[in-house]
Amino acid sequence: MGARSLFSGHPETTLLSVFHALYKPQQCIAAAANSDSEMQLSAWAGSAARRVFEVACVLCALPVSLPVFVLVWLAVRLTSAGPALFRQVRMGRDGRAFTILKFRTMPVCIDPASRPTLTSSNNQQFTLIGPFLRRWKLDEVPQLIHILRGEMSLVGPRPKLACYESVRLACRPGLTGFATMVFAREEMALAKVPREQVDAYYQAVVKPFKCRLDAEYMARATFLTDLKIILKSVFRDWNDLALSELPPWLPQDDESAKRWRTEQALPAGDGLHELRP
C-alpha cells in the first residue's frame, strides 16, 4: 500500500486499491487527518540531497520553462484585463505562510471575499484561456520560483489555505505529489456537489483522503518515486480513476445514507453531518 503501489501492478487497479484501503480504515480518517502531529518523512524526503536534486531539475528546465512563462504571461495579459499573476497566502513547512504565485485563470474579482475558496467546474468563471491553463497545469509554472527560493519542493503535499491545512507540514509543499495525481481532475468531481455544499464536502471527504495519501507517500518517498511522479506529472500520466469512487454527496440521513456510512465503517461524528442542508 502507499506510494509504491502507484508504480506497480495494473494501472487500472493500483490507485483504486490504495484509495479503497485508505477509505475504509478501522478508525476515523478525518480524526487522524486533523491531528496536530507532524507528517513523518523518509530519509530521502528529509535529506539535503533531495534539495540539491530539485534545484538542479529546475535549473535544467529553465531553457524550456522560461519561454513558456513568457508566452503564458503574454497570453493572460492579452486575453483578459488585470495582472497576469495571481497571488494568495498559503501554508508552508513548519506552519510558515508564504505568498504563492500562479498564472491568473479567472477574471479579476472586485470583492475576493465573495468568491468561493474551492474551485469546481461549475462555481467559477474563467478567462478565455483559463480552462486550458488549468487542464495542462500551466498556471502552476510560476511556482518554480518558490522551489528555487526554498519555499516549495517538486514533490510533496500541495500548499493549502490555512483553513484547509490539516497537519503541520514537516516538509516543503510540492509542485506536484501523490494526492495531486489522484485528484488531478478534482474540479470535475466537485462539480457534482451542490455549490452551497462544496466546502463541507471537501472538508469531510476530500481533505482527509488527500492528507492521508500525502502522509503515506512522504513516509516512503525515495529518489525513484519522486522521479516517477515528476515524469508522470510532466507527461500528464495521472490515472485518476479513483475519483469515480468518491463517496456520494449525502444531503440527508436517509436509509441509503445510513447504509453507505455502515459499509464504509464511518463512525458517528466524522464530519459528514455538515453535508446536510
C-alpha atoms as a PDB file:
ATOM      1  CA  MET A   1       0.000   0.000   0.000  1.00  0.00           C
ATOM      2  CA  GLY A   2       1.086   3.630  -0.253  1.00  0.00           C
ATOM      3  CA  ALA A   3       3.444   5.282  -2.678  1.00  0.00           C
ATOM      4  CA  ARG A   4       4.997   2.175  -4.179  1.00  0.00           C
ATOM      5  CA  SER A   5       1.707   0.682  -5.340  1.00  0.00           C
ATOM      6  CA  LEU A   6       1.255   3.678  -7.633  1.00  0.00           C
ATOM      7  CA  PHE A   7       4.081   2.430  -9.811  1.00  0.00           C
ATOM      8  CA  SER A   8       3.485  -1.304  -9.786  1.00  0.00           C
ATOM      9  CA  GLY A   9       0.791  -3.721 -10.846  1.00  0.00           C
ATOM     10  CA  HIS A  10      -2.016  -2.932 -13.263  1.00  0.00           C
ATOM     11  CA  PRO A  11      -2.664   0.826 -13.636  1.00  0.00           C
ATOM     12  CA  GLU A  12      -6.404   0.261 -13.640  1.00  0.00           C
ATOM     13  CA  THR A  13      -6.362  -1.237 -10.153  1.00  0.00           C
ATOM     14  CA  THR A  14      -3.418   0.098  -8.172  1.00  0.00           C
ATOM     15  CA  LEU A  15      -4.772   3.564  -7.440  1.00  0.00           C
ATOM     16  CA  LEU A  16      -8.206   2.156  -6.701  1.00  0.00           C
ATOM     17  CA  SER A  17      -6.812  -0.376  -4.251  1.00  0.00           C
ATOM     18  CA  VAL A  18      -4.857   2.334  -2.453  1.00  0.00           C
ATOM     19  CA  PHE A  19      -7.888   4.590  -2.423  1.00  0.00           C
ATOM     20  CA  HIS A  20     -10.202   1.945  -1.001  1.00  0.00           C
ATOM     21  CA  ALA A  21      -7.625   0.835   1.561  1.00  0.00           C
ATOM     22  CA  LEU A  22      -7.306   4.383   2.823  1.00  0.00           C
ATOM     23  CA  TYR A  23     -11.022   4.969   2.687  1.00  0.00           C
ATOM     24  CA  LYS A  24     -12.030   2.012   4.876  1.00  0.00           C
ATOM     25  CA  PRO A  25      -9.852   2.289   7.978  1.00  0.00           C
ATOM     26  CA  GLN A  26     -10.688   0.848  11.358  1.00  0.00           C
ATOM     27  CA  GLN A  27     -10.603   4.349  12.785  1.00  0.00           C
ATOM     28  CA  CYS A  28     -11.935   7.642  11.555  1.00  0.00           C
ATOM     29  CA  ILE A  29      -9.771   9.075   8.768  1.00  0.00           C
ATOM     30  CA  ALA A  30     -10.972  12.587   9.425  1.00  0.00           C
ATOM     31  CA  ALA A  31      -9.837  12.462  13.035  1.00  0.00           C
ATOM     32  CA  ALA A  32      -6.401  11.197  12.024  1.00  0.00           C
ATOM     33  CA  ALA A  33      -6.060  13.739   9.246  1.00  0.00           C
ATOM     34  CA  ASN A  34      -6.994  16.630  11.502  1.00  0.00           C
ATOM     35  CA  SER A  35      -4.489  15.774  14.183  1.00  0.00           C
ATOM     36  CA  ASP A  36      -1.741  18.232  15.046  1.00  0.00           C
ATOM     37  CA  SER A  37       1.050  15.692  14.669  1.00  0.00           C
ATOM     38  CA  GLU A  38       3.671  16.392  12.072  1.00  0.00           C
ATOM     39  CA  MET A  39       3.991  14.373   8.888  1.00  0.00           C
ATOM     40  CA  GLN A  40       6.656  11.670   9.071  1.00  0.00           C
ATOM     41  CA  LEU A  41       9.398  11.853   6.430  1.00  0.00           C
ATOM     42  CA  SER A  42      11.511   9.148   4.851  1.00  0.00           C
ATOM     43  CA  ALA A  43      15.281   9.507   4.873  1.00  0.00           C
ATOM     44  CA  TRP A  44      15.207  10.766   1.282  1.00  0.00           C
ATOM     45  CA  ALA A  45      12.326  13.196   1.831  1.00  0.00           C
ATOM     46  CA  GLY A  46      14.195  14.966   4.626  1.00  0.00           C
ATOM     47  CA  SER A  47      17.644  14.918   3.034  1.00  0.00           C
ATOM     48  CA  ALA A  48      19.822  17.717   1.655  1.00  0.00           C
ATOM     49  CA  ALA A  49      20.380  15.564  -1.443  1.00  0.00           C
ATOM     50  CA  ARG A  50      16.706  15.920  -2.321  1.00  0.00           C
ATOM     51  CA  ARG A  51      17.001  19.695  -2.185  1.00  0.00           C
ATOM     52  CA  VAL A  52      20.049  19.623  -4.477  1.00  0.00           C
ATOM     53  CA  PHE A  53      18.188  17.341  -6.891  1.00  0.00           C
ATOM     54  CA  GLU A  54      15.170  19.673  -7.022  1.00  0.00           C
ATOM     55  CA  VAL A  55      17.203  22.817  -7.625  1.00  0.00           C
ATOM     56  CA  ALA A  56      19.184  21.034 -10.339  1.00  0.00           C
ATOM     57  CA  CYS A  57      15.948  19.929 -12.043  1.00  0.00           C
ATOM     58  CA  VAL A  58      14.542  23.474 -12.039  1.00  0.00           C
ATOM     59  CA  LEU A  59      17.776  24.961 -13.367  1.00  0.00           C
ATOM     60  CA  CYS A  60      17.979  22.351 -16.136  1.00  0.00           C
ATOM     61  CA  ALA A  61      14.368  23.081 -17.061  1.00  0.00           C
ATOM     62  CA  LEU A  62      14.913  26.841 -17.400  1.00  0.00           C
ATOM     63  CA  PRO A  63      15.574  26.770 -21.185  1.00  0.00           C
ATOM     64  CA  VAL A  64      12.056  25.344 -21.611  1.00  0.00           C
ATOM     65  CA  SER A  65      10.219  26.884 -18.668  1.00  0.00           C
ATOM     66  CA  LEU A  66      11.313  30.493 -19.301  1.00  0.00           C
ATOM     67  CA  PRO A  67       9.833  30.688 -22.836  1.00  0.00           C
ATOM     68  CA  VAL A  68       6.664  29.004 -21.543  1.00  0.00           C
ATOM     69  CA  PHE A  69       6.493  31.557 -18.716  1.00  0.00           C
ATOM     70  CA  VAL A  70       6.788  34.476 -21.131  1.00  0.00           C
ATOM     71  CA  LEU A  71       4.246  33.077 -23.605  1.00  0.00           C
ATOM     72  CA  VAL A  72       1.666  32.313 -20.921  1.00  0.00           C
ATOM     73  CA  TRP A  73       2.218  35.702 -19.270  1.00  0.00           C
ATOM     74  CA  LEU A  74       1.550  37.451 -22.594  1.00  0.00           C
ATOM     75  CA  ALA A  75      -1.489  35.258 -23.307  1.00  0.00           C
ATOM     76  CA  VAL A  76      -3.064  36.041 -19.930  1.00  0.00           C
ATOM     77  CA  ARG A  77      -2.469  39.783 -20.307  1.00  0.00           C
ATOM     78  CA  LEU A  78      -3.799  39.911 -23.876  1.00  0.00           C
ATOM     79  CA  THR A  79      -6.940  37.861 -23.262  1.00  0.00           C
ATOM     80  CA  SER A  80      -8.214  39.384 -20.013  1.00  0.00           C
ATOM     81  CA  ALA A  81      -7.979  42.598 -18.025  1.00  0.00           C
ATOM     82  CA  GLY A  82      -5.804  42.555 -14.937  1.00  0.00           C
ATOM     83  CA  PRO A  83      -2.437  41.213 -13.805  1.00  0.00           C
ATOM     84  CA  ALA A  84      -1.023  38.030 -15.253  1.00  0.00           C
ATOM     85  CA  LEU A  85      -0.108  36.600 -11.858  1.00  0.00           C
ATOM     86  CA  PHE A  86      -2.458  35.594  -9.054  1.00  0.00           C
ATOM     87  CA  ARG A  87      -1.143  35.829  -5.503  1.00  0.00           C
ATOM     88  CA  GLN A  88      -2.517  34.053  -2.448  1.00  0.00           C
ATOM     89  CA  VAL A  89      -1.189  33.238   1.016  1.00  0.00           C
ATOM     90  CA  ARG A  90      -0.649  29.504   1.537  1.00  0.00           C
ATOM     91  CA  MET A  91       0.792  27.425   4.366  1.00  0.00           C
ATOM     92  CA  GLY A  92       4.301  26.029   4.033  1.00  0.00           C
ATOM     93  CA  ARG A  93       6.765  23.977   6.043  1.00  0.00           C
ATOM     94  CA  ASP A  94       6.566  24.226   9.839  1.00  0.00           C
ATOM     95  CA  GLY A  95       3.394  26.316   9.594  1.00  0.00           C
ATOM     96  CA  ARG A  96       5.133  29.236   7.858  1.00  0.00           C
ATOM     97  CA  ALA A  97       2.941  31.167   5.445  1.00  0.00           C
ATOM     98  CA  PHE A  98       4.142  32.351   2.045  1.00  0.00           C
ATOM     99  CA  THR A  99       2.556  34.078  -0.934  1.00  0.00           C
ATOM    100  CA  ILE A 100       2.134  31.633  -3.779  1.00  0.00           C
ATOM    101  CA  LEU A 101       2.264  32.705  -7.426  1.00  0.00           C
ATOM    102  CA  LYS A 102       0.048  31.289 -10.169  1.00  0.00           C
ATOM    103  CA  PHE A 103      -0.978  32.485 -13.587  1.00  0.00           C
ATOM    104  CA  ARG A 104      -4.436  34.017 -13.277  1.00  0.00           C
ATOM    105  CA  THR A 105      -7.164  31.814 -14.765  1.00  0.00           C
ATOM    106  CA  MET A 106     -10.231  33.752 -13.589  1.00  0.00           C
ATOM    107  CA  PRO A 107     -11.398  37.342 -14.107  1.00  0.00           C
ATOM    108  CA  VAL A 108     -10.278  39.875 -11.531  1.00  0.00           C
ATOM    109  CA  CYS A 109     -12.815  39.918  -8.709  1.00  0.00           C
ATOM    110  CA  ILE A 110     -13.740  43.257  -7.141  1.00  0.00           C
ATOM    111  CA  ASP A 111     -14.741  41.517  -3.911  1.00  0.00           C
ATOM    112  CA  PRO A 112     -12.458  38.481  -3.424  1.00  0.00           C
ATOM    113  CA  ALA A 113     -14.370  37.511  -0.271  1.00  0.00           C
ATOM    114  CA  SER A 114     -17.427  36.741  -2.401  1.00  0.00           C
ATOM    115  CA  ARG A 115     -15.554  34.183  -4.497  1.00  0.00           C
ATOM    116  CA  PRO A 116     -15.639  30.524  -3.344  1.00  0.00           C
ATOM    117  CA  THR A 117     -12.276  29.368  -1.993  1.00  0.00           C
ATOM    118  CA  LEU A 118     -12.711  25.939  -3.606  1.00  0.00           C
ATOM    119  CA  THR A 119     -12.930  25.788  -7.387  1.00  0.00           C
ATOM    120  CA  SER A 120     -15.208  23.389  -9.231  1.00  0.00           C
ATOM    121  CA  SER A 121     -16.060  23.480 -12.915  1.00  0.00           C
ATOM    122  CA  ASN A 122     -19.474  24.994 -12.222  1.00  0.00           C
ATOM    123  CA  ASN A 123     -18.914  27.506  -9.413  1.00  0.00           C
ATOM    124  CA  GLN A 124     -16.352  29.817 -11.023  1.00  0.00           C
ATOM    125  CA  GLN A 125     -15.953  31.958 -14.114  1.00  0.00           C
ATOM    126  CA  PHE A 126     -12.750  31.524 -16.097  1.00  0.00           C
ATOM    127  CA  THR A 127     -10.849  33.689 -18.513  1.00  0.00           C
ATOM    128  CA  LEU A 128     -10.708  32.748 -22.177  1.00  0.00           C
ATOM    129  CA  ILE A 129      -7.574  30.639 -21.704  1.00  0.00           C
ATOM    130  CA  GLY A 130      -8.146  29.763 -18.035  1.00  0.00           C
ATOM    131  CA  PRO A 131      -9.531  26.244 -18.611  1.00  0.00           C
ATOM    132  CA  PHE A 132      -6.622  25.447 -20.969  1.00  0.00           C
ATOM    133  CA  LEU A 133      -4.049  26.619 -18.424  1.00  0.00           C
ATOM    134  CA  ARG A 134      -5.652  24.553 -15.675  1.00  0.00           C
ATOM    135  CA  ARG A 135      -6.054  21.454 -17.829  1.00  0.00           C
ATOM    136  CA  TRP A 136      -2.359  21.458 -18.703  1.00  0.00           C
ATOM    137  CA  LYS A 137      -1.280  22.778 -15.263  1.00  0.00           C
ATOM    138  CA  LEU A 138       0.454  25.727 -16.915  1.00  0.00           C
ATOM    139  CA  ASP A 139      -0.947  28.061 -14.259  1.00  0.00           C
ATOM    140  CA  GLU A 140       1.490  26.406 -11.833  1.00  0.00           C
ATOM    141  CA  VAL A 141       4.663  27.275 -13.796  1.00  0.00           C
ATOM    142  CA  PRO A 142       5.481  30.391 -11.686  1.00  0.00           C
ATOM    143  CA  GLN A 143       5.839  28.119  -8.657  1.00  0.00           C
ATOM    144  CA  LEU A 144       9.228  27.025  -9.964  1.00  0.00           C
ATOM    145  CA  ILE A 145      10.359  30.315  -8.396  1.00  0.00           C
ATOM    146  CA  HIS A 146       9.253  29.049  -4.992  1.00  0.00           C
ATOM    147  CA  ILE A 147      11.337  25.913  -5.428  1.00  0.00           C
ATOM    148  CA  LEU A 148      14.467  27.966  -6.070  1.00  0.00           C
ATOM    149  CA  ARG A 149      13.631  30.145  -3.046  1.00  0.00           C
ATOM    150  CA  GLY A 150      13.244  27.084  -0.810  1.00  0.00           C
ATOM    151  CA  GLU A 151       9.528  27.592  -0.135  1.00  0.00           C
ATOM    152  CA  MET A 152       8.369  24.568  -2.132  1.00  0.00           C
ATOM    153  CA  SER A 153       9.595  21.204  -3.409  1.00  0.00           C
ATOM    154  CA  LEU A 154       8.987  19.465  -6.707  1.00  0.00           C
ATOM    155  CA  VAL A 155       7.104  16.640  -4.970  1.00  0.00           C
ATOM    156  CA  GLY A 156       5.034  16.961  -1.814  1.00  0.00           C
ATOM    157  CA  PRO A 157       1.619  17.916  -0.467  1.00  0.00           C
ATOM    158  CA  ARG A 158       0.108  20.841  -2.321  1.00  0.00           C
ATOM    159  CA  PRO A 159       0.258  24.142  -0.362  1.00  0.00           C
ATOM    160  CA  LYS A 160      -3.150  24.940   1.069  1.00  0.00           C
ATOM    161  CA  LEU A 161      -5.028  27.858   2.524  1.00  0.00           C
ATOM    162  CA  ALA A 162      -4.778  27.996   6.300  1.00  0.00           C
ATOM    163  CA  CYS A 163      -8.412  26.928   6.679  1.00  0.00           C
ATOM    164  CA  TYR A 164      -7.743  23.724   4.716  1.00  0.00           C
ATOM    165  CA  GLU A 165      -4.394  22.715   6.210  1.00  0.00           C
ATOM    166  CA  SER A 166      -4.850  19.705   8.479  1.00  0.00           C
ATOM    167  CA  VAL A 167      -1.329  18.996   9.660  1.00  0.00           C
ATOM    168  CA  ARG A 168       1.831  20.891  10.452  1.00  0.00           C
ATOM    169  CA  LEU A 169       3.984  20.069   7.439  1.00  0.00           C
ATOM    170  CA  ALA A 170       7.461  18.812   8.247  1.00  0.00           C
ATOM    171  CA  CYS A 171       8.339  19.137   4.552  1.00  0.00           C
ATOM    172  CA  ARG A 172       8.047  21.819   1.920  1.00  0.00           C
ATOM    173  CA  PRO A 173       4.766  21.723  -0.018  1.00  0.00           C
ATOM    174  CA  GLY A 174       5.111  20.409  -3.540  1.00  0.00           C
ATOM    175  CA  LEU A 175       4.503  21.486  -7.104  1.00  0.00           C
ATOM    176  CA  THR A 176       3.075  18.021  -7.682  1.00  0.00           C
ATOM    177  CA  GLY A 177       2.575  14.978  -5.479  1.00  0.00           C
ATOM    178  CA  PHE A 178       0.877  11.658  -4.859  1.00  0.00           C
ATOM    179  CA  ALA A 179      -2.509  13.116  -3.903  1.00  0.00           C
ATOM    180  CA  THR A 180      -2.195  15.655  -6.723  1.00  0.00           C
ATOM    181  CA  MET A 181      -2.049  12.833  -9.258  1.00  0.00           C
ATOM    182  CA  VAL A 182      -5.024  11.008  -7.769  1.00  0.00           C
ATOM    183  CA  PHE A 183      -7.077  14.215  -7.677  1.00  0.00           C
ATOM    184  CA  ALA A 184      -5.786  15.686 -10.955  1.00  0.00           C
ATOM    185  CA  ARG A 185      -9.357  16.401 -12.096  1.00  0.00           C
ATOM    186  CA  GLU A 186     -10.718  17.377  -8.718  1.00  0.00           C
ATOM    187  CA  GLU A 187     -12.693  20.304 -10.145  1.00  0.00           C
ATOM    188  CA  MET A 188     -14.815  17.933 -12.220  1.00  0.00           C
ATOM    189  CA  ALA A 189     -15.512  15.745  -9.192  1.00  0.00           C
ATOM    190  CA  LEU A 190     -16.534  18.723  -7.051  1.00  0.00           C
ATOM    191  CA  ALA A 191     -18.836  19.909  -9.839  1.00  0.00           C
ATOM    192  CA  LYS A 192     -21.201  17.043  -8.923  1.00  0.00           C
ATOM    193  CA  VAL A 193     -21.732  18.549  -5.471  1.00  0.00           C
ATOM    194  CA  PRO A 194     -24.284  21.366  -4.968  1.00  0.00           C
ATOM    195  CA  ARG A 195     -22.479  24.697  -4.851  1.00  0.00           C
ATOM    196  CA  GLU A 196     -23.513  25.515  -1.302  1.00  0.00           C
ATOM    197  CA  GLN A 197     -22.129  22.165  -0.092  1.00  0.00           C
ATOM    198  CA  VAL A 198     -18.752  22.107  -1.880  1.00  0.00           C
ATOM    199  CA  ASP A 199     -16.791  23.399   1.100  1.00  0.00           C
ATOM    200  CA  ALA A 200     -18.399  20.971   3.555  1.00  0.00           C
ATOM    201  CA  TYR A 201     -17.922  18.045   1.173  1.00  0.00           C
ATOM    202  CA  TYR A 202     -14.258  18.917   0.703  1.00  0.00           C
ATOM    203  CA  GLN A 203     -13.664  19.196   4.452  1.00  0.00           C
ATOM    204  CA  ALA A 204     -15.452  15.943   5.284  1.00  0.00           C
ATOM    205  CA  VAL A 205     -14.475  13.700   2.368  1.00  0.00           C
ATOM    206  CA  VAL A 206     -11.748  15.019   0.056  1.00  0.00           C
ATOM    207  CA  LYS A 207      -9.364  16.655   2.522  1.00  0.00           C
ATOM    208  CA  PRO A 208      -8.902  13.593   4.773  1.00  0.00           C
ATOM    209  CA  PHE A 209      -8.094  11.439   1.731  1.00  0.00           C
ATOM    210  CA  LYS A 210      -5.573  13.897   0.367  1.00  0.00           C
ATOM    211  CA  CYS A 211      -3.913  14.255   3.742  1.00  0.00           C
ATOM    212  CA  ARG A 212      -3.595  10.507   4.212  1.00  0.00           C
ATOM    213  CA  LEU A 213      -2.322   9.887   0.671  1.00  0.00           C
ATOM    214  CA  ASP A 214       0.352  12.560   1.053  1.00  0.00           C
ATOM    215  CA  ALA A 215       1.344  11.304   4.513  1.00  0.00           C
ATOM    216  CA  GLU A 216       1.714   7.750   3.214  1.00  0.00           C
ATOM    217  CA  TYR A 217       3.858   8.955   0.329  1.00  0.00           C
ATOM    218  CA  MET A 218       6.178  11.246   2.280  1.00  0.00           C
ATOM    219  CA  ALA A 219       6.869   8.481   4.809  1.00  0.00           C
ATOM    220  CA  ARG A 220       8.063   6.187   1.990  1.00  0.00           C
ATOM    221  CA  ALA A 221       9.403   8.622  -0.630  1.00  0.00           C
ATOM    222  CA  THR A 222      12.606   7.705  -2.443  1.00  0.00           C
ATOM    223  CA  PHE A 223      14.586   9.254  -5.271  1.00  0.00           C
ATOM    224  CA  LEU A 224      12.971   6.875  -7.760  1.00  0.00           C
ATOM    225  CA  THR A 225       9.389   7.504  -6.612  1.00  0.00           C
ATOM    226  CA  ASP A 226       9.976  11.263  -6.746  1.00  0.00           C
ATOM    227  CA  LEU A 227      11.419  10.939 -10.237  1.00  0.00           C
ATOM    228  CA  LYS A 228       8.485   8.834 -11.403  1.00  0.00           C
ATOM    229  CA  ILE A 229       5.931  11.294 -10.047  1.00  0.00           C
ATOM    230  CA  ILE A 230       7.758  14.181 -11.740  1.00  0.00           C
ATOM    231  CA  LEU A 231       7.824  12.367 -15.092  1.00  0.00           C
ATOM    232  CA  LYS A 232       4.201  11.254 -14.804  1.00  0.00           C
ATOM    233  CA  SER A 233       3.169  14.823 -13.998  1.00  0.00           C
ATOM    234  CA  VAL A 234       5.121  16.267 -16.942  1.00  0.00           C
ATOM    235  CA  PHE A 235       3.515  13.796 -19.338  1.00  0.00           C
ATOM    236  CA  ARG A 236       0.092  14.049 -17.642  1.00  0.00           C
ATOM    237  CA  ASP A 237       0.014  10.324 -16.875  1.00  0.00           C
ATOM    238  CA  TRP A 238      -2.286  10.782 -13.904  1.00  0.00           C
ATOM    239  CA  ASN A 239      -4.554   7.717 -13.911  1.00  0.00           C
ATOM    240  CA  ASP A 240      -7.141   9.297 -11.623  1.00  0.00           C
ATOM    241  CA  LEU A 241      -9.742   6.533 -11.815  1.00  0.00           C
ATOM    242  CA  ALA A 242     -10.125   6.741  -8.057  1.00  0.00           C
ATOM    243  CA  LEU A 243     -12.113   9.962  -8.445  1.00  0.00           C
ATOM    244  CA  SER A 244     -15.003   7.919  -9.796  1.00  0.00           C
ATOM    245  CA  GLU A 245     -15.051   6.094  -6.468  1.00  0.00           C
ATOM    246  CA  LEU A 246     -15.527   9.191  -4.320  1.00  0.00           C
ATOM    247  CA  PRO A 247     -18.444   8.700  -1.938  1.00  0.00           C
ATOM    248  CA  PRO A 248     -21.663  10.404  -2.987  1.00  0.00           C
ATOM    249  CA  TRP A 249     -22.934  13.681  -1.677  1.00  0.00           C
ATOM    250  CA  LEU A 250     -25.300  12.848   1.175  1.00  0.00           C
ATOM    251  CA  PRO A 251     -27.943  15.555   1.515  1.00  0.00           C
ATOM    252  CA  GLN A 252     -29.653  13.910   4.483  1.00  0.00           C
ATOM    253  CA  ASP A 253     -29.520  10.905   6.786  1.00  0.00           C
ATOM    254  CA  ASP A 254     -31.927   8.715   4.846  1.00  0.00           C
ATOM    255  CA  GLU A 255     -31.738   4.924   4.761  1.00  0.00           C
ATOM    256  CA  SER A 256     -29.316   4.822   1.820  1.00  0.00           C
ATOM    257  CA  ALA A 257     -27.041   7.303   3.556  1.00  0.00           C
ATOM    258  CA  LYS A 258     -27.032   5.269   6.765  1.00  0.00           C
ATOM    259  CA  ARG A 259     -26.306   2.077   4.818  1.00  0.00           C
ATOM    260  CA  TRP A 260     -23.432   3.764   2.974  1.00  0.00           C
ATOM    261  CA  ARG A 261     -21.930   5.006   6.251  1.00  0.00           C
ATOM    262  CA  THR A 262     -22.136   1.498   7.709  1.00  0.00           C
ATOM    263  CA  GLU A 263     -20.468  -0.051   4.639  1.00  0.00           C
ATOM    264  CA  GLN A 264     -17.610   2.444   4.850  1.00  0.00           C
ATOM    265  CA  ALA A 265     -17.118   1.899   8.589  1.00  0.00           C
ATOM    266  CA  LEU A 266     -17.541   5.599   9.281  1.00  0.00           C
ATOM    267  CA  PRO A 267     -18.180   6.303  12.966  1.00  0.00           C
ATOM    268  CA  ALA A 268     -20.531   8.998  14.145  1.00  0.00           C
ATOM    269  CA  GLY A 269     -19.096  12.492  14.362  1.00  0.00           C
ATOM    270  CA  ASP A 270     -16.785  12.137  11.349  1.00  0.00           C
ATOM    271  CA  GLY A 271     -17.907  15.449   9.924  1.00  0.00           C
ATOM    272  CA  LEU A 272     -20.369  14.163   7.331  1.00  0.00           C
ATOM    273  CA  HIS A 273     -23.248  15.724   9.267  1.00  0.00           C
ATOM    274  CA  GLU A 274     -22.007  19.015   7.890  1.00  0.00           C
ATOM    275  CA  LEU A 275     -23.174  17.945   4.450  1.00  0.00           C
ATOM    276  CA  ARG A 276     -26.824  18.182   5.342  1.00  0.00           C
ATOM    277  CA  PRO A 277     -28.570  21.366   4.166  1.00  0.00           C
END
